[in-house]
């Protein structure tokens, strides 16, 4: 009799354990993992331990619509797309411009923001760059993996109008700006939206604008099951005007 009771208790404990494990598994799959490079105000940055910015607010709204918890994963910009391919994140939301090279690696949502490239200099600098063709005379910084870097490589480095060693790569714009202010480089190329955000934090000025007409979009793993739901959630936010409202909150 005692043996039967022990067996019954053991069976109940095993069932409860399995239910607990199953429940944990379901909870884990209900977390939306969002990759971002949180050094890019006003689209993504940190205020203390809190992620803030245009992309952060959009991501949170999408998670709400999907009825999922959200987890932000901060990483270098050039690791975002590889992280999608290796299933480390469910989507990347980090001022990512759509281009053919990236479209071969990931799926993109509908665009939600139009950006151009700009060249910035230190406020203390006496250098002018009215004609972009003269950029070959200078040392220029760019964030690794960005469309700004790609633009300079294709239009100047590959055409031998800018020495490759004079185009310095950085993990983040803030590191490039730091060297710019120190005088180690002459200019930095970045998105106009980023320049606007950084100009409120650092002594930099825009000295040239390049009309590249780039569309920001959410990047997702190729053919992932969650993609259609993310697309629908973003489209709802676009149609309702909530995306415009978020952008106007952060960019004025």
Protein backbone atom coordinates (compact mmCIF):
# COMPACT_ATOMS: atom_id res chain seq x y z
CA UNK A 1 0.00 0.00 0.00
CA UNK A 2 2.78 2.42 0.95
CA UNK A 3 4.61 1.51 -2.25
CA UNK A 4 1.50 2.31 -4.32
CA UNK A 5 1.14 5.68 -2.61
CA UNK A 6 4.81 6.47 -3.25
CA UNK A 7 4.44 5.53 -6.92
CA UNK A 8 1.31 7.67 -7.18
CA UNK A 9 3.05 10.66 -5.59
CA UNK A 10 6.06 10.20 -7.85
CA UNK A 11 3.82 10.06 -10.91
CA UNK A 12 2.04 13.24 -9.88
CA UNK A 13 5.35 15.01 -9.33
CA UNK A 14 6.61 13.94 -12.76
CA UNK A 15 3.43 15.19 -14.44
CA UNK A 16 3.65 18.53 -12.64
CA UNK A 17 7.31 18.84 -13.61
CA UNK A 18 6.49 18.16 -17.26
CA UNK A 19 3.67 20.71 -17.18
CA UNK A 20 6.06 23.25 -15.71
CA UNK A 21 8.68 22.58 -18.37
CA UNK A 22 6.05 22.83 -21.09
CA UNK A 23 4.74 26.08 -19.66
CA UNK A 24 8.24 27.56 -19.55
CA UNK A 25 8.77 26.61 -23.15
CA UNK A 26 5.60 28.36 -24.24
CA UNK A 27 6.51 31.47 -22.32
CA UNK A 28 9.95 31.55 -23.97
CA UNK A 29 8.46 31.45 -27.46
CA UNK A 30 6.22 34.41 -26.59
CA UNK A 31 9.19 36.77 -26.32
CA UNK A 32 9.95 39.04 -29.27
CA UNK A 33 13.73 39.37 -29.51
CA UNK A 34 14.63 42.69 -31.09
CA UNK A 35 18.19 43.42 -32.18
CA UNK A 36 19.35 47.04 -32.18
CA UNK A 37 22.50 49.16 -32.02
CA UNK A 38 21.63 51.51 -29.18
CA UNK A 39 24.12 54.23 -30.10
CA UNK A 40 22.05 56.00 -32.73
CA UNK A 41 19.83 58.77 -31.33
CA UNK A 42 17.07 59.66 -31.99
CA UNK A 43 16.27 56.17 -33.30
CA UNK A 44 17.87 54.04 -30.58
CA UNK A 45 19.95 54.92 -27.56
CA UNK A 46 20.14 54.32 -23.82
CA UNK A 47 18.88 56.51 -20.99
CA UNK A 48 20.40 54.77 -18.00
CA UNK A 49 19.29 51.16 -18.36
CA UNK A 50 16.31 52.00 -20.59
CA UNK A 51 16.19 51.72 -24.39
CA UNK A 52 14.65 54.81 -25.99
CA UNK A 53 14.04 56.19 -29.46
CA UNK A 54 11.89 55.96 -32.58
CA UNK A 55 12.73 52.33 -33.34
CA UNK A 56 12.36 51.32 -29.71
CA UNK A 57 8.84 52.78 -29.51
CA UNK A 58 7.85 51.12 -32.79
CA UNK A 59 9.18 47.77 -31.56
CA UNK A 60 7.23 48.05 -28.31
CA UNK A 61 4.02 48.84 -30.21
CA UNK A 62 4.57 45.81 -32.46
CA UNK A 63 5.11 43.56 -29.43
CA UNK A 64 1.87 44.86 -27.92
CA UNK A 65 -0.06 44.08 -31.10
CA UNK A 66 1.45 40.58 -31.21
CA UNK A 67 0.69 40.14 -27.49
CA UNK A 68 4.33 39.24 -26.88
CA UNK A 69 6.85 40.26 -24.29
CA UNK A 70 9.81 42.17 -25.71
CA UNK A 71 13.53 41.73 -25.21
CA UNK A 72 16.00 44.20 -26.72
CA UNK A 73 19.43 42.87 -27.67
CA UNK A 74 22.08 45.58 -28.04
CA UNK A 75 24.81 44.69 -30.56
CA UNK A 76 27.18 46.21 -33.10
CA UNK A 77 25.35 47.37 -36.22
CA UNK A 78 27.25 45.07 -38.58
CA UNK A 79 26.26 41.99 -36.54
CA UNK A 80 22.49 42.61 -36.75
CA UNK A 81 21.81 40.84 -40.06
CA UNK A 82 24.05 37.84 -39.29
CA UNK A 83 22.22 37.52 -35.96
CA UNK A 84 18.92 37.21 -37.84
CA UNK A 85 20.38 34.40 -39.93
CA UNK A 86 21.61 32.52 -36.85
CA UNK A 87 18.24 32.86 -35.02
CA UNK A 88 19.63 35.01 -32.21
CA UNK A 89 16.92 37.63 -32.77
CA UNK A 90 13.46 37.72 -34.38
CA UNK A 91 13.81 41.12 -35.99
CA UNK A 92 16.30 43.98 -36.25
CA UNK A 93 15.06 47.53 -35.81
CA UNK A 94 17.96 49.94 -35.97
CA UNK A 95 17.62 52.58 -38.72
CA UNK A 96 18.40 49.91 -41.31
CA UNK A 97 18.18 51.08 -44.91
CA UNK A 98 16.84 48.72 -47.55
CA UNK A 99 19.29 47.82 -50.32
CA UNK A 100 19.75 44.90 -52.71
CA UNK A 101 22.74 43.47 -50.84
CA UNK A 102 20.78 43.28 -47.60
CA UNK A 103 17.63 41.99 -49.35
CA UNK A 104 19.60 38.93 -50.42
CA UNK A 105 20.20 38.11 -46.74
CA UNK A 106 16.97 39.11 -44.97
CA UNK A 107 13.32 39.99 -45.49
CA UNK A 108 12.28 43.61 -45.08
CA UNK A 109 9.04 45.15 -43.89
CA UNK A 110 7.37 48.13 -45.54
CA UNK A 111 9.47 51.32 -45.21
CA UNK A 112 8.70 53.62 -42.30
CA UNK A 113 11.24 56.46 -42.70
CA UNK A 114 13.13 58.22 -45.52
CA UNK A 115 16.75 59.22 -44.89
CA UNK A 116 19.76 60.70 -46.72
CA UNK A 117 23.48 60.77 -46.03
CA UNK A 118 25.34 63.78 -44.68
CA UNK A 119 28.96 64.71 -44.04
CA UNK A 120 29.61 66.23 -40.62
CA UNK A 121 32.57 68.12 -39.23
CA UNK A 122 33.58 69.38 -35.81
CA UNK A 123 32.23 72.82 -34.94
CA UNK A 124 35.83 73.87 -34.29
CA UNK A 125 36.95 72.79 -37.76
CA UNK A 126 37.72 75.40 -40.41
CA UNK A 127 37.38 72.83 -43.20
CA UNK A 128 34.68 73.29 -45.83
CA UNK A 129 33.24 70.63 -48.12
CA UNK A 130 30.93 72.46 -50.50
CA UNK A 131 31.95 70.08 -53.28
CA UNK A 132 31.79 66.40 -52.31
CA UNK A 133 34.32 65.61 -55.06
CA UNK A 134 37.00 67.11 -52.79
CA UNK A 135 36.48 64.52 -50.05
CA UNK A 136 39.46 62.55 -51.36
CA UNK A 137 41.75 65.12 -49.78
CA UNK A 138 40.63 64.23 -46.28
CA UNK A 139 40.37 61.47 -43.67
CA UNK A 140 36.78 60.33 -43.25
CA UNK A 141 35.15 58.16 -40.59
CA UNK A 142 32.16 55.86 -41.03
CA UNK A 143 30.31 53.27 -38.99
CA UNK A 144 31.12 49.78 -40.20
CA UNK A 145 28.44 48.08 -42.27
CA UNK A 146 26.41 51.23 -42.96
CA UNK A 147 25.10 52.54 -46.26
CA UNK A 148 27.22 55.65 -45.73
CA UNK A 149 30.37 53.56 -45.70
CA UNK A 150 29.12 51.65 -48.75
CA UNK A 151 28.43 54.92 -50.59
CA UNK A 152 31.97 56.20 -50.08
CA UNK A 153 33.54 52.87 -51.05
CA UNK A 154 31.53 52.54 -54.28
CA UNK A 155 31.71 56.19 -55.36
CA UNK A 156 35.16 57.21 -54.16
CA UNK A 157 37.40 54.38 -52.94
CA UNK A 158 36.64 51.99 -55.81
CA UNK A 159 37.13 54.85 -58.29
CA UNK A 160 40.44 55.74 -56.63
CA UNK A 161 39.15 59.16 -55.61
CA UNK A 162 39.68 58.41 -51.90
CA UNK A 163 42.49 56.29 -50.48
CA UNK A 164 41.15 53.22 -48.66
CA UNK A 165 43.35 53.99 -45.67
CA UNK A 166 41.72 57.43 -45.43
CA UNK A 167 38.29 55.86 -44.90
CA UNK A 168 38.39 54.77 -41.27
CA UNK A 169 35.80 52.29 -39.97
CA UNK A 170 34.30 52.44 -36.48
CA UNK A 171 32.00 50.09 -34.54
CA UNK A 172 29.70 53.05 -33.78
CA UNK A 173 29.08 56.65 -34.83
CA UNK A 174 29.89 57.92 -31.36
CA UNK A 175 33.44 56.55 -31.63
CA UNK A 176 33.82 58.19 -35.04
CA UNK A 177 32.52 61.49 -33.66
CA UNK A 178 34.94 61.26 -30.73
CA UNK A 179 37.89 61.00 -33.13
CA UNK A 180 36.39 63.80 -35.23
CA UNK A 181 36.26 66.18 -32.26
CA UNK A 182 39.80 65.17 -31.25
CA UNK A 183 41.00 66.04 -34.75
CA UNK A 184 42.13 62.52 -35.68
CA UNK A 185 39.83 62.58 -38.74
CA UNK A 186 38.37 65.43 -40.77
CA UNK A 187 34.80 64.33 -41.49
CA UNK A 188 32.25 61.61 -40.68
CA UNK A 189 29.54 60.29 -42.98
CA UNK A 190 26.21 59.25 -41.42
CA UNK A 191 22.44 59.33 -41.93
CA UNK A 192 20.88 62.78 -41.63
CA UNK A 193 18.60 61.56 -38.85
CA UNK A 194 21.61 60.45 -36.81
CA UNK A 195 23.40 63.74 -37.45
CA UNK A 196 20.39 65.60 -36.12
CA UNK A 197 20.38 63.49 -32.96
CA UNK A 198 24.13 63.69 -32.34
CA UNK A 199 24.27 67.45 -33.02
CA UNK A 200 22.18 67.91 -29.87
CA UNK A 201 24.77 65.98 -27.87
CA UNK A 202 28.09 66.78 -29.54
CA UNK A 203 29.69 69.86 -31.18
CA UNK A 204 29.25 68.79 -34.81
CA UNK A 205 27.79 70.47 -37.91
CA UNK A 206 26.58 69.22 -41.29
CA UNK A 207 28.81 70.44 -44.14
CA UNK A 208 27.36 68.46 -47.05
CA UNK A 209 24.18 66.52 -47.82
CA UNK A 210 23.97 63.57 -50.21
CA UNK A 211 20.53 62.78 -51.64
CA UNK A 212 20.52 58.99 -51.36
CA UNK A 213 16.79 58.64 -50.57
CA UNK A 214 17.09 55.56 -48.35
CA UNK A 215 14.15 53.78 -46.76
CA UNK A 216 14.40 52.47 -43.21
CA UNK A 217 12.60 49.17 -42.59
CA UNK A 218 12.46 46.28 -40.15
CA UNK A 219 14.81 43.42 -41.07
CA UNK A 220 13.65 39.85 -40.41
CA UNK A 221 15.01 36.34 -41.05
CA UNK A 222 14.28 34.97 -44.52
CA UNK A 223 10.82 33.35 -44.68
CA UNK A 224 10.41 33.22 -40.89
CA UNK A 225 6.98 32.27 -39.54
CA UNK A 226 6.68 35.46 -37.49
CA UNK A 227 7.38 37.81 -40.41
CA UNK A 228 3.81 38.12 -41.68
CA UNK A 229 2.57 39.06 -38.19
CA UNK A 230 5.32 41.66 -37.78
CA UNK A 231 4.50 43.09 -41.21
CA UNK A 232 0.81 43.35 -40.39
CA UNK A 233 1.50 44.98 -37.02
CA UNK A 234 3.77 47.59 -38.61
CA UNK A 235 1.28 48.26 -41.42
CA UNK A 236 -1.45 48.83 -38.82
CA UNK A 237 0.82 51.35 -37.08
CA UNK A 238 1.55 53.09 -40.38
CA UNK A 239 -2.11 53.20 -41.39
CA UNK A 240 -3.24 54.55 -38.03
CA UNK A 241 -0.64 57.32 -38.03
CA UNK A 242 1.05 55.99 -34.90
CA UNK A 243 4.44 55.71 -36.63
CA UNK A 244 4.29 59.35 -37.72
CA UNK A 245 3.34 60.34 -34.18
CA UNK A 246 6.30 58.40 -32.75
CA UNK A 247 8.70 60.00 -35.23
CA UNK A 248 7.41 63.50 -34.47
CA UNK A 249 7.91 62.84 -30.76
CA UNK A 250 11.62 62.21 -31.25
CA UNK A 251 12.48 64.27 -34.33
CA UNK A 252 11.54 67.96 -34.48
